[in-house]
């Protein structure tokens, strides 16, 4: 039975990143994915995904987003491929809306470069946008889109380069934990991952 330091089930956005970062730290990694490589059925695919820093949902996300931005640029360098397209972002609504107040709070609390714009200025800069009277917006330059399929493939390729074993079209059918680690079964066999400090 093959034994690894970590078994990653699912190799979409999260799983491919986990395989990449674990293998970069020297772990022996097995990745299992039920779909073929480069498939279109995952929730992570779809040509583009927004990345933004002035998170209106809550200010506590911002440090994670700043770290994520740096990691995406680091991945670009390692993969020697453009993965993040910086476009800027604008978040509009009524002055008292959560979108505007939350984005502003995040930008101020974390000293993110931003501009508060009235409706006339937004329409001047972005003619396709027609705002309701009284609406405003927050613009941040450090926002953009990620190219998810290419990001996933970059993570996978770098993990493989460091020795990760990635198995596609292989579904995990069962897993169980014991005192020394876990075992994961697929139709082709059983694989184990040991807890740190336990012998293989």
N, C-alpha and C. Protein backbone atom coordinates (compact mmCIF):
# COMPACT_ATOMS: atom_id res chain seq x y z
N UNK A 1 0.85 -1.20 0.00
CA UNK A 1 0.00 0.00 0.00
C UNK A 1 0.88 1.24 0.00
N UNK A 2 0.71 2.11 -0.99
CA UNK A 2 1.50 3.33 -1.09
C UNK A 2 1.15 4.28 0.06
N UNK A 3 2.16 4.89 0.66
CA UNK A 3 1.97 5.80 1.78
C UNK A 3 2.52 7.16 1.45
N UNK A 4 1.77 8.18 1.82
CA UNK A 4 2.14 9.57 1.54
C UNK A 4 2.08 10.38 2.83
N UNK A 5 2.57 11.61 2.74
CA UNK A 5 2.42 12.53 3.86
C UNK A 5 1.05 13.18 3.85
N UNK A 6 0.47 13.34 2.67
CA UNK A 6 -0.84 13.98 2.54
C UNK A 6 -1.55 13.43 1.33
N UNK A 7 -2.87 13.27 1.45
CA UNK A 7 -3.71 12.90 0.32
C UNK A 7 -4.73 14.01 0.13
N UNK A 8 -4.77 14.55 -1.06
CA UNK A 8 -5.70 15.63 -1.39
C UNK A 8 -6.78 15.06 -2.28
N UNK A 9 -8.03 15.18 -1.85
CA UNK A 9 -9.15 14.67 -2.63
C UNK A 9 -9.84 15.85 -3.30
N UNK A 10 -9.82 15.85 -4.62
CA UNK A 10 -10.35 16.96 -5.41
C UNK A 10 -9.22 17.88 -5.80
N UNK A 11 -9.04 18.11 -7.09
CA UNK A 11 -7.91 18.91 -7.57
C UNK A 11 -8.39 20.12 -8.36
N UNK A 12 -9.45 20.75 -7.86
CA UNK A 12 -9.90 22.02 -8.42
C UNK A 12 -9.08 23.17 -7.84
N UNK A 13 -9.71 24.30 -7.62
CA UNK A 13 -8.98 25.48 -7.14
C UNK A 13 -8.32 25.21 -5.80
N UNK A 14 -9.08 24.71 -4.83
CA UNK A 14 -8.52 24.49 -3.50
C UNK A 14 -7.56 23.31 -3.47
N UNK A 15 -7.96 22.20 -4.07
CA UNK A 15 -7.13 21.01 -4.03
C UNK A 15 -5.82 21.17 -4.77
N UNK A 16 -5.85 21.81 -5.93
CA UNK A 16 -4.61 22.01 -6.68
C UNK A 16 -3.66 22.91 -5.91
N UNK A 17 -4.20 23.94 -5.25
CA UNK A 17 -3.36 24.83 -4.44
C UNK A 17 -2.78 24.08 -3.26
N UNK A 18 -3.60 23.23 -2.61
CA UNK A 18 -3.10 22.44 -1.48
C UNK A 18 -1.97 21.52 -1.93
N UNK A 19 -2.16 20.83 -3.05
CA UNK A 19 -1.11 19.94 -3.56
C UNK A 19 0.17 20.71 -3.85
N UNK A 20 0.02 21.88 -4.44
CA UNK A 20 1.18 22.72 -4.76
C UNK A 20 1.94 23.13 -3.50
N UNK A 21 1.22 23.67 -2.52
CA UNK A 21 1.90 24.20 -1.34
C UNK A 21 2.43 23.08 -0.44
N UNK A 22 1.73 21.97 -0.35
CA UNK A 22 2.26 20.84 0.41
C UNK A 22 3.53 20.29 -0.22
N UNK A 23 3.52 20.12 -1.52
CA UNK A 23 4.71 19.58 -2.19
C UNK A 23 5.87 20.57 -2.10
N UNK A 24 5.56 21.86 -2.13
CA UNK A 24 6.62 22.87 -2.01
C UNK A 24 7.30 22.80 -0.64
N UNK A 25 6.55 22.36 0.37
CA UNK A 25 7.11 22.20 1.72
C UNK A 25 7.81 20.86 1.91
N UNK A 26 7.88 20.08 0.85
CA UNK A 26 8.60 18.82 0.93
C UNK A 26 7.75 17.62 1.24
N UNK A 27 6.44 17.77 1.30
CA UNK A 27 5.57 16.63 1.61
C UNK A 27 5.43 15.73 0.39
N UNK A 28 5.29 14.43 0.66
CA UNK A 28 4.95 13.47 -0.39
C UNK A 28 3.43 13.51 -0.54
N UNK A 29 2.96 13.90 -1.71
CA UNK A 29 1.55 14.22 -1.90
C UNK A 29 0.93 13.30 -2.94
N UNK A 30 -0.27 12.80 -2.62
CA UNK A 30 -1.12 12.12 -3.59
C UNK A 30 -2.35 12.99 -3.80
N UNK A 31 -2.68 13.26 -5.05
CA UNK A 31 -3.90 13.98 -5.37
C UNK A 31 -4.85 13.09 -6.15
N UNK A 32 -6.11 13.07 -5.74
CA UNK A 32 -7.13 12.26 -6.41
C UNK A 32 -8.22 13.18 -6.95
N UNK A 33 -8.60 12.98 -8.19
CA UNK A 33 -9.63 13.80 -8.83
C UNK A 33 -10.56 12.89 -9.62
N UNK A 34 -11.85 12.99 -9.37
CA UNK A 34 -12.81 12.10 -10.04
C UNK A 34 -12.99 12.42 -11.52
N UNK A 35 -12.71 13.66 -11.92
CA UNK A 35 -12.90 14.06 -13.31
C UNK A 35 -11.57 14.04 -14.07
N UNK A 36 -11.62 14.03 -15.41
CA UNK A 36 -10.38 14.11 -16.18
C UNK A 36 -9.67 15.44 -15.95
N UNK A 37 -8.41 15.47 -16.19
CA UNK A 37 -7.62 16.70 -16.05
C UNK A 37 -8.15 17.75 -17.03
N UNK A 38 -8.29 18.97 -16.52
CA UNK A 38 -8.77 20.05 -17.37
C UNK A 38 -10.25 19.98 -17.67
N UNK A 39 -11.01 19.23 -16.89
CA UNK A 39 -12.43 19.11 -17.14
C UNK A 39 -13.19 20.40 -16.87
N UNK A 40 -14.43 20.46 -17.32
CA UNK A 40 -15.23 21.68 -17.22
C UNK A 40 -16.37 21.56 -16.21
N UNK A 41 -16.36 20.54 -15.37
CA UNK A 41 -17.49 20.31 -14.47
C UNK A 41 -17.28 20.85 -13.05
N UNK A 42 -16.11 21.36 -12.75
CA UNK A 42 -15.85 21.85 -11.40
C UNK A 42 -16.45 23.23 -11.16
N UNK A 43 -16.61 23.57 -9.90
CA UNK A 43 -17.15 24.89 -9.56
C UNK A 43 -16.12 26.00 -9.75
N UNK A 44 -14.86 25.63 -9.97
CA UNK A 44 -13.80 26.63 -10.07
C UNK A 44 -13.57 27.13 -11.49
N UNK A 45 -14.18 26.49 -12.47
CA UNK A 45 -13.87 26.83 -13.86
C UNK A 45 -14.84 27.90 -14.37
N UNK A 46 -14.52 28.45 -15.53
CA UNK A 46 -15.40 29.46 -16.10
C UNK A 46 -14.69 30.68 -16.63
N UNK A 47 -13.45 30.55 -17.06
CA UNK A 47 -12.66 31.58 -17.74
C UNK A 47 -12.16 32.70 -16.83
N UNK A 48 -12.98 33.19 -15.91
CA UNK A 48 -12.48 34.26 -15.05
C UNK A 48 -13.19 34.24 -13.70
N UNK A 49 -12.46 34.71 -12.66
CA UNK A 49 -13.00 34.89 -11.33
C UNK A 49 -12.47 36.21 -10.78
N UNK A 50 -13.33 36.97 -10.14
CA UNK A 50 -12.95 38.27 -9.60
C UNK A 50 -12.05 38.09 -8.38
N UNK A 51 -11.04 38.96 -8.27
CA UNK A 51 -10.28 39.08 -7.02
C UNK A 51 -10.31 40.55 -6.64
N UNK A 52 -10.67 40.82 -5.39
CA UNK A 52 -10.79 42.20 -4.90
C UNK A 52 -10.31 42.24 -3.47
N UNK A 53 -9.89 43.42 -3.04
CA UNK A 53 -9.34 43.57 -1.69
C UNK A 53 -10.28 44.31 -0.75
N UNK A 54 -10.97 45.34 -1.23
CA UNK A 54 -11.87 46.13 -0.37
C UNK A 54 -13.16 45.35 -0.15
N UNK A 55 -13.05 44.31 0.64
CA UNK A 55 -14.14 43.36 0.83
C UNK A 55 -15.26 44.00 1.65
N UNK A 56 -16.44 44.13 1.05
CA UNK A 56 -17.55 44.75 1.77
C UNK A 56 -18.13 43.83 2.84
N UNK A 57 -17.90 42.52 2.69
CA UNK A 57 -18.49 41.57 3.62
C UNK A 57 -17.97 41.74 5.05
N UNK A 58 -16.65 41.93 5.19
CA UNK A 58 -16.07 42.17 6.51
C UNK A 58 -14.59 42.52 6.36
N UNK A 59 -14.12 43.39 7.22
CA UNK A 59 -12.72 43.85 7.13
C UNK A 59 -11.72 42.74 7.45
N UNK A 60 -12.14 41.72 8.19
CA UNK A 60 -11.18 40.68 8.58
C UNK A 60 -10.71 39.83 7.40
N UNK A 61 -11.41 39.90 6.27
CA UNK A 61 -10.96 39.16 5.09
C UNK A 61 -9.73 39.80 4.44
N UNK A 62 -9.53 41.09 4.65
CA UNK A 62 -8.54 41.82 3.85
C UNK A 62 -7.12 41.27 4.01
N UNK A 63 -6.63 40.96 5.21
CA UNK A 63 -5.27 40.39 5.28
C UNK A 63 -5.13 39.09 4.49
N UNK A 64 -6.17 38.26 4.49
CA UNK A 64 -6.13 37.03 3.69
C UNK A 64 -6.06 37.36 2.20
N UNK A 65 -6.80 38.37 1.78
CA UNK A 65 -6.81 38.76 0.37
C UNK A 65 -5.48 39.35 -0.06
N UNK A 66 -4.86 40.14 0.80
CA UNK A 66 -3.54 40.70 0.50
C UNK A 66 -2.52 39.57 0.33
N UNK A 67 -2.59 38.58 1.21
CA UNK A 67 -1.68 37.43 1.10
C UNK A 67 -1.98 36.64 -0.17
N UNK A 68 -3.27 36.45 -0.47
CA UNK A 68 -3.64 35.72 -1.69
C UNK A 68 -3.11 36.43 -2.93
N UNK A 69 -3.23 37.76 -2.96
CA UNK A 69 -2.74 38.52 -4.12
C UNK A 69 -1.25 38.26 -4.32
N UNK A 70 -0.47 38.31 -3.23
CA UNK A 70 0.97 38.04 -3.34
C UNK A 70 1.24 36.63 -3.83
N UNK A 71 0.45 35.66 -3.34
CA UNK A 71 0.66 34.28 -3.75
C UNK A 71 0.32 34.06 -5.22
N UNK A 72 -0.72 34.76 -5.73
CA UNK A 72 -1.03 34.63 -7.15
C UNK A 72 0.10 35.18 -8.00
N UNK A 73 0.69 36.31 -7.58
CA UNK A 73 1.82 36.85 -8.34
C UNK A 73 3.03 35.93 -8.26
N UNK A 74 3.22 35.32 -7.09
CA UNK A 74 4.31 34.35 -6.93
C UNK A 74 4.09 33.16 -7.85
N UNK A 75 2.85 32.69 -7.94
CA UNK A 75 2.54 31.57 -8.82
C UNK A 75 2.79 31.95 -10.27
N UNK A 76 2.41 33.15 -10.65
CA UNK A 76 2.69 33.62 -12.02
C UNK A 76 4.17 33.51 -12.34
N UNK A 77 5.00 33.96 -11.39
CA UNK A 77 6.44 33.91 -11.62
C UNK A 77 6.95 32.49 -11.76
N UNK A 78 6.47 31.60 -10.89
CA UNK A 78 6.93 30.21 -10.95
C UNK A 78 6.45 29.52 -12.22
N UNK A 79 5.23 29.82 -12.64
CA UNK A 79 4.67 29.18 -13.83
C UNK A 79 5.09 29.88 -15.12
N UNK A 80 5.62 31.08 -14.97
CA UNK A 80 6.00 31.90 -16.13
C UNK A 80 4.82 32.07 -17.09
N UNK A 81 3.69 32.44 -16.48
CA UNK A 81 2.45 32.61 -17.24
C UNK A 81 1.59 33.64 -16.55
N UNK A 82 0.88 34.45 -17.32
CA UNK A 82 -0.01 35.44 -16.75
C UNK A 82 -1.28 34.76 -16.26
N UNK A 83 -1.55 34.94 -14.97
CA UNK A 83 -2.71 34.31 -14.35
C UNK A 83 -3.67 35.31 -13.74
N UNK A 84 -3.20 36.50 -13.42
CA UNK A 84 -4.00 37.54 -12.78
C UNK A 84 -3.96 38.78 -13.67
N UNK A 85 -5.12 39.25 -14.06
CA UNK A 85 -5.22 40.45 -14.90
C UNK A 85 -5.76 41.59 -14.02
N UNK A 86 -4.93 42.59 -13.81
CA UNK A 86 -5.32 43.71 -12.95
C UNK A 86 -6.18 44.68 -13.75
N UNK A 87 -7.42 44.86 -13.32
CA UNK A 87 -8.36 45.72 -14.04
C UNK A 87 -8.85 46.90 -13.20
N UNK A 88 -8.68 46.82 -11.88
CA UNK A 88 -9.36 47.75 -10.99
C UNK A 88 -10.79 47.28 -10.78
N UNK A 89 -11.41 47.77 -9.72
CA UNK A 89 -12.79 47.39 -9.44
C UNK A 89 -13.56 48.56 -8.88
N UNK A 90 -14.85 48.60 -9.19
CA UNK A 90 -15.70 49.67 -8.67
C UNK A 90 -16.97 49.04 -8.09
N UNK A 91 -17.34 49.50 -6.88
CA UNK A 91 -18.45 48.92 -6.14
C UNK A 91 -19.45 50.04 -5.88
N UNK A 92 -20.63 49.92 -6.46
CA UNK A 92 -21.58 51.03 -6.46
C UNK A 92 -22.86 50.67 -5.73
N UNK A 93 -23.55 51.72 -5.28
CA UNK A 93 -24.83 51.54 -4.61
C UNK A 93 -25.23 52.83 -3.92
N UNK A 94 -26.27 52.75 -3.13
CA UNK A 94 -26.66 53.90 -2.32
C UNK A 94 -25.57 54.17 -1.29
N UNK A 95 -25.39 55.42 -0.88
CA UNK A 95 -24.32 55.74 0.07
C UNK A 95 -24.37 54.91 1.35
N UNK A 96 -25.57 54.49 1.77
CA UNK A 96 -25.71 53.72 3.00
C UNK A 96 -25.76 52.21 2.77
N UNK A 97 -25.58 51.76 1.54
CA UNK A 97 -25.66 50.33 1.24
C UNK A 97 -24.45 49.61 1.83
N UNK A 98 -24.63 48.31 2.08
CA UNK A 98 -23.52 47.52 2.61
C UNK A 98 -22.35 47.47 1.63
N UNK A 99 -22.67 47.45 0.33
CA UNK A 99 -21.62 47.41 -0.68
C UNK A 99 -20.67 48.60 -0.53
N UNK A 100 -21.24 49.78 -0.38
CA UNK A 100 -20.42 51.00 -0.31
C UNK A 100 -19.81 51.17 1.08
N UNK A 101 -20.62 51.04 2.13
CA UNK A 101 -20.08 51.27 3.48
C UNK A 101 -19.08 50.19 3.86
N UNK A 102 -19.35 48.94 3.49
CA UNK A 102 -18.43 47.86 3.82
C UNK A 102 -17.12 47.97 3.07
N UNK A 103 -17.18 48.26 1.78
CA UNK A 103 -15.96 48.43 0.98
C UNK A 103 -15.13 49.58 1.52
N UNK A 104 -15.80 50.68 1.86
CA UNK A 104 -15.10 51.85 2.39
C UNK A 104 -14.44 51.52 3.72
N UNK A 105 -15.15 50.82 4.59
CA UNK A 105 -14.59 50.45 5.89
C UNK A 105 -13.34 49.59 5.70
N UNK A 106 -13.39 48.60 4.82
CA UNK A 106 -12.22 47.75 4.57
C UNK A 106 -11.06 48.56 4.01
N UNK A 107 -11.35 49.45 3.07
CA UNK A 107 -10.29 50.26 2.46
C UNK A 107 -9.62 51.17 3.49
N UNK A 108 -10.42 51.78 4.35
CA UNK A 108 -9.86 52.70 5.35
C UNK A 108 -9.10 51.94 6.43
N UNK A 109 -9.67 50.85 6.92
CA UNK A 109 -9.04 50.12 8.02
C UNK A 109 -7.71 49.53 7.62
N UNK A 110 -7.57 49.16 6.34
CA UNK A 110 -6.35 48.50 5.90
C UNK A 110 -5.52 49.37 4.94
N UNK A 111 -5.83 50.65 4.90
CA UNK A 111 -5.06 51.62 4.09
C UNK A 111 -4.92 51.18 2.64
N UNK A 112 -6.02 50.70 2.07
CA UNK A 112 -6.02 50.33 0.67
C UNK A 112 -6.22 51.57 -0.19
N UNK A 113 -5.41 51.78 -1.21
CA UNK A 113 -5.65 52.91 -2.11
C UNK A 113 -7.03 52.82 -2.74
N UNK A 114 -7.79 53.91 -2.66
CA UNK A 114 -9.15 53.89 -3.19
C UNK A 114 -9.62 55.31 -3.46
N UNK A 115 -10.71 55.42 -4.19
CA UNK A 115 -11.37 56.70 -4.45
C UNK A 115 -12.86 56.53 -4.23
N UNK A 116 -13.49 57.52 -3.60
CA UNK A 116 -14.94 57.58 -3.51
C UNK A 116 -15.44 58.50 -4.60
N UNK A 117 -16.33 58.02 -5.45
CA UNK A 117 -16.78 58.74 -6.63
C UNK A 117 -18.29 58.93 -6.59
N UNK A 118 -18.74 60.10 -7.07
CA UNK A 118 -20.19 60.29 -7.20
C UNK A 118 -20.66 59.74 -8.54
N UNK A 119 -21.95 59.74 -8.74
CA UNK A 119 -22.53 59.13 -9.94
C UNK A 119 -22.02 59.79 -11.21
N UNK A 120 -21.91 61.11 -11.19
CA UNK A 120 -21.46 61.82 -12.39
C UNK A 120 -20.05 61.42 -12.79
N UNK A 121 -19.17 61.30 -11.80
CA UNK A 121 -17.78 60.93 -12.10
C UNK A 121 -17.69 59.49 -12.58
N UNK A 122 -18.49 58.61 -11.98
CA UNK A 122 -18.48 57.21 -12.42
C UNK A 122 -18.94 57.11 -13.87
N UNK A 123 -20.01 57.83 -14.22
CA UNK A 123 -20.52 57.77 -15.59
C UNK A 123 -19.55 58.44 -16.56
N UNK A 124 -18.81 59.45 -16.09
CA UNK A 124 -17.82 60.08 -16.97
C UNK A 124 -16.68 59.11 -17.28
N UNK A 125 -16.21 58.39 -16.25
CA UNK A 125 -15.11 57.46 -16.45
C UNK A 125 -15.54 56.19 -17.17
N UNK A 126 -16.76 55.75 -16.89
CA UNK A 126 -17.24 54.48 -17.41
C UNK A 126 -18.59 54.70 -18.09
N UNK A 127 -18.58 55.22 -19.31
CA UNK A 127 -19.83 55.60 -19.99
C UNK A 127 -20.89 54.50 -20.07
N UNK A 128 -20.54 53.21 -20.15
CA UNK A 128 -21.61 52.21 -20.18
C UNK A 128 -22.44 52.14 -18.90
N UNK A 129 -21.89 52.64 -17.78
CA UNK A 129 -22.61 52.57 -16.51
C UNK A 129 -23.58 53.74 -16.38
N UNK A 130 -24.82 53.44 -16.08
CA UNK A 130 -25.83 54.46 -15.83
C UNK A 130 -26.38 54.20 -14.43
N UNK A 131 -26.06 55.09 -13.50
CA UNK A 131 -26.41 54.88 -12.11
C UNK A 131 -27.72 55.57 -11.75
N UNK A 132 -28.34 55.06 -10.72
CA UNK A 132 -29.52 55.71 -10.18
C UNK A 132 -29.12 57.02 -9.51
N UNK A 133 -30.02 57.99 -9.47
CA UNK A 133 -29.70 59.26 -8.82
C UNK A 133 -29.28 59.03 -7.37
N UNK A 134 -28.20 59.69 -6.98
CA UNK A 134 -27.73 59.60 -5.61
C UNK A 134 -26.78 58.46 -5.31
N UNK A 135 -26.61 57.55 -6.25
CA UNK A 135 -25.69 56.44 -6.02
C UNK A 135 -24.25 56.94 -6.06
N UNK A 136 -23.37 56.22 -5.37
CA UNK A 136 -21.95 56.52 -5.33
C UNK A 136 -21.18 55.22 -5.54
N UNK A 137 -19.87 55.33 -5.59
CA UNK A 137 -19.06 54.12 -5.76
C UNK A 137 -17.69 54.26 -5.16
N UNK A 138 -17.10 53.14 -4.80
CA UNK A 138 -15.72 53.09 -4.36
C UNK A 138 -14.91 52.39 -5.44
N UNK A 139 -13.84 53.04 -5.86
CA UNK A 139 -12.94 52.45 -6.85
C UNK A 139 -11.65 52.05 -6.17
N UNK A 140 -11.18 50.82 -6.44
CA UNK A 140 -9.85 50.40 -5.99
C UNK A 140 -9.07 49.88 -7.19
N UNK A 141 -7.83 50.32 -7.28
CA UNK A 141 -7.00 49.94 -8.41
C UNK A 141 -6.53 48.48 -8.30
N UNK A 142 -6.35 47.97 -7.08
CA UNK A 142 -5.82 46.63 -6.89
C UNK A 142 -6.97 45.63 -6.83
N UNK A 143 -7.53 45.40 -7.96
CA UNK A 143 -8.57 44.39 -8.14
C UNK A 143 -8.44 43.88 -9.57
N UNK A 144 -9.01 42.73 -9.82
CA UNK A 144 -8.88 42.20 -11.17
C UNK A 144 -9.58 40.87 -11.33
N UNK A 145 -9.09 40.10 -12.29
CA UNK A 145 -9.66 38.78 -12.54
C UNK A 145 -8.54 37.76 -12.60
N UNK A 146 -8.84 36.57 -12.09
CA UNK A 146 -7.97 35.42 -12.22
C UNK A 146 -8.48 34.54 -13.34
N UNK A 147 -7.56 33.82 -13.98
CA UNK A 147 -7.91 32.89 -15.05
C UNK A 147 -7.89 31.49 -14.44
N UNK A 148 -9.05 31.00 -13.95
CA UNK A 148 -9.05 29.84 -13.05
C UNK A 148 -8.50 28.55 -13.64
N UNK A 149 -8.86 28.22 -14.87
CA UNK A 149 -8.34 26.98 -15.45
C UNK A 149 -6.82 27.01 -15.52
N UNK A 150 -6.26 28.16 -15.90
CA UNK A 150 -4.81 28.28 -15.99
C UNK A 150 -4.16 28.28 -14.61
N UNK A 151 -4.84 28.87 -13.62
CA UNK A 151 -4.33 28.85 -12.24
C UNK A 151 -4.27 27.42 -11.73
N UNK A 152 -5.34 26.66 -11.95
CA UNK A 152 -5.38 25.27 -11.50
C UNK A 152 -4.27 24.47 -12.16
N UNK A 153 -4.12 24.61 -13.46
CA UNK A 153 -3.09 23.84 -14.16
C UNK A 153 -1.69 24.24 -13.70
N UNK A 154 -1.48 25.52 -13.41
CA UNK A 154 -0.17 25.95 -12.91
C UNK A 154 0.13 25.29 -11.57
N UNK A 155 -0.85 25.27 -10.66
CA UNK A 155 -0.65 24.60 -9.38
C UNK A 155 -0.33 23.11 -9.58
N UNK A 156 -1.10 22.46 -10.45
CA UNK A 156 -0.90 21.02 -10.68
C UNK A 156 0.49 20.74 -11.26
N UNK A 157 0.87 21.52 -12.26
CA UNK A 157 2.16 21.28 -12.92
C UNK A 157 3.32 21.48 -11.96
N UNK A 158 3.24 22.50 -11.11
CA UNK A 158 4.31 22.74 -10.16
C UNK A 158 4.35 21.66 -9.09
N UNK A 159 3.18 21.18 -8.66
CA UNK A 159 3.15 20.08 -7.69
C UNK A 159 3.80 18.83 -8.28
N UNK A 160 3.47 18.53 -9.53
CA UNK A 160 4.06 17.36 -10.19
C UNK A 160 5.56 17.52 -10.33
N UNK A 161 6.00 18.73 -10.62
CA UNK A 161 7.43 18.98 -10.78
C UNK A 161 8.18 18.65 -9.49
N UNK A 162 7.49 18.78 -8.36
CA UNK A 162 8.12 18.48 -7.07
C UNK A 162 7.82 17.06 -6.59
N UNK A 163 7.25 16.26 -7.46
CA UNK A 163 7.07 14.85 -7.13
C UNK A 163 5.69 14.42 -6.71
N UNK A 164 4.71 15.32 -6.70
CA UNK A 164 3.35 14.92 -6.33
C UNK A 164 2.81 13.92 -7.35
N UNK A 165 2.10 12.91 -6.84
CA UNK A 165 1.44 11.92 -7.69
C UNK A 165 -0.02 12.33 -7.83
N UNK A 166 -0.41 12.72 -9.03
CA UNK A 166 -1.77 13.20 -9.28
C UNK A 166 -2.50 12.19 -10.16
N UNK A 167 -3.64 11.73 -9.67
CA UNK A 167 -4.40 10.70 -10.39
C UNK A 167 -5.77 11.27 -10.75
N UNK A 168 -6.03 11.34 -12.05
CA UNK A 168 -7.29 11.89 -12.55
C UNK A 168 -8.22 10.76 -12.97
N UNK A 169 -9.51 11.10 -13.06
CA UNK A 169 -10.55 10.10 -13.34
C UNK A 169 -10.47 8.96 -12.33
N UNK A 170 -10.17 9.31 -11.10
CA UNK A 170 -10.06 8.32 -10.02
C UNK A 170 -10.82 8.84 -8.81
N UNK A 171 -11.95 8.23 -8.52
CA UNK A 171 -12.83 8.68 -7.46
C UNK A 171 -12.47 8.04 -6.13
N UNK A 172 -12.38 8.86 -5.09
CA UNK A 172 -12.23 8.32 -3.74
C UNK A 172 -13.59 7.76 -3.31
N UNK A 173 -13.63 6.47 -3.00
CA UNK A 173 -14.89 5.81 -2.66
C UNK A 173 -15.11 5.67 -1.16
N UNK A 174 -14.03 5.74 -0.39
CA UNK A 174 -14.14 5.56 1.07
C UNK A 174 -12.87 6.07 1.72
N UNK A 175 -13.01 6.60 2.94
CA UNK A 175 -11.81 6.93 3.71
C UNK A 175 -12.09 6.66 5.17
N UNK A 176 -11.01 6.42 5.90
CA UNK A 176 -11.14 6.19 7.34
C UNK A 176 -9.86 6.65 8.03
N UNK A 177 -10.02 7.09 9.27
CA UNK A 177 -8.89 7.55 10.07
C UNK A 177 -8.61 6.54 11.16
N UNK A 178 -7.33 6.43 11.50
CA UNK A 178 -6.95 5.61 12.65
C UNK A 178 -5.90 6.38 13.45
N UNK A 179 -5.28 5.74 14.42
CA UNK A 179 -4.35 6.45 15.29
C UNK A 179 -3.08 6.93 14.62
N UNK A 180 -2.74 6.37 13.47
CA UNK A 180 -1.49 6.75 12.81
C UNK A 180 -1.69 7.54 11.53
N UNK A 181 -2.92 7.70 11.07
CA UNK A 181 -3.14 8.45 9.85
C UNK A 181 -4.49 8.15 9.23
N UNK A 182 -4.55 8.19 7.91
CA UNK A 182 -5.80 7.90 7.20
C UNK A 182 -5.53 6.94 6.05
N UNK A 183 -6.61 6.29 5.62
CA UNK A 183 -6.57 5.47 4.42
C UNK A 183 -7.70 5.91 3.50
N UNK A 184 -7.38 5.97 2.23
CA UNK A 184 -8.36 6.37 1.22
C UNK A 184 -8.42 5.27 0.17
N UNK A 185 -9.64 4.83 -0.13
CA UNK A 185 -9.83 3.78 -1.12
C UNK A 185 -10.38 4.36 -2.41
N UNK A 186 -9.88 3.84 -3.53
CA UNK A 186 -10.45 4.10 -4.84
C UNK A 186 -10.68 2.73 -5.49
N UNK A 187 -11.19 2.71 -6.70
CA UNK A 187 -11.42 1.42 -7.36
C UNK A 187 -10.11 0.73 -7.72
N UNK A 188 -9.02 1.48 -7.76
CA UNK A 188 -7.75 0.86 -8.14
C UNK A 188 -6.87 0.49 -6.96
N UNK A 189 -7.26 0.87 -5.73
CA UNK A 189 -6.43 0.48 -4.60
C UNK A 189 -6.71 1.29 -3.36
N UNK A 190 -5.87 1.09 -2.35
CA UNK A 190 -5.97 1.80 -1.08
C UNK A 190 -4.68 2.56 -0.86
N UNK A 191 -4.80 3.80 -0.42
CA UNK A 191 -3.64 4.66 -0.21
C UNK A 191 -3.68 5.18 1.23
N UNK A 192 -2.52 5.40 1.79
CA UNK A 192 -2.44 5.84 3.18
C UNK A 192 -1.66 7.14 3.28
N UNK A 193 -2.03 7.92 4.28
CA UNK A 193 -1.28 9.11 4.67
C UNK A 193 -1.04 9.01 6.16
N UNK A 194 0.21 9.15 6.56
CA UNK A 194 0.55 8.97 7.97
C UNK A 194 0.54 10.31 8.69
N UNK A 195 0.25 10.27 9.97
CA UNK A 195 0.38 11.46 10.81
C UNK A 195 1.83 11.75 11.04
N UNK A 196 2.18 13.02 11.19
CA UNK A 196 3.57 13.39 11.45
C UNK A 196 4.06 12.67 12.70
N UNK A 197 5.26 12.11 12.63
CA UNK A 197 5.82 11.42 13.78
C UNK A 197 5.54 9.94 13.80
N UNK A 198 4.68 9.45 12.88
CA UNK A 198 4.38 8.02 12.82
C UNK A 198 5.12 7.38 11.65
N UNK A 199 5.59 6.20 11.84
CA UNK A 199 6.29 5.50 10.77
C UNK A 199 5.30 5.10 9.69
N UNK A 200 5.81 4.98 8.47
CA UNK A 200 4.98 4.58 7.34
C UNK A 200 4.48 3.16 7.52
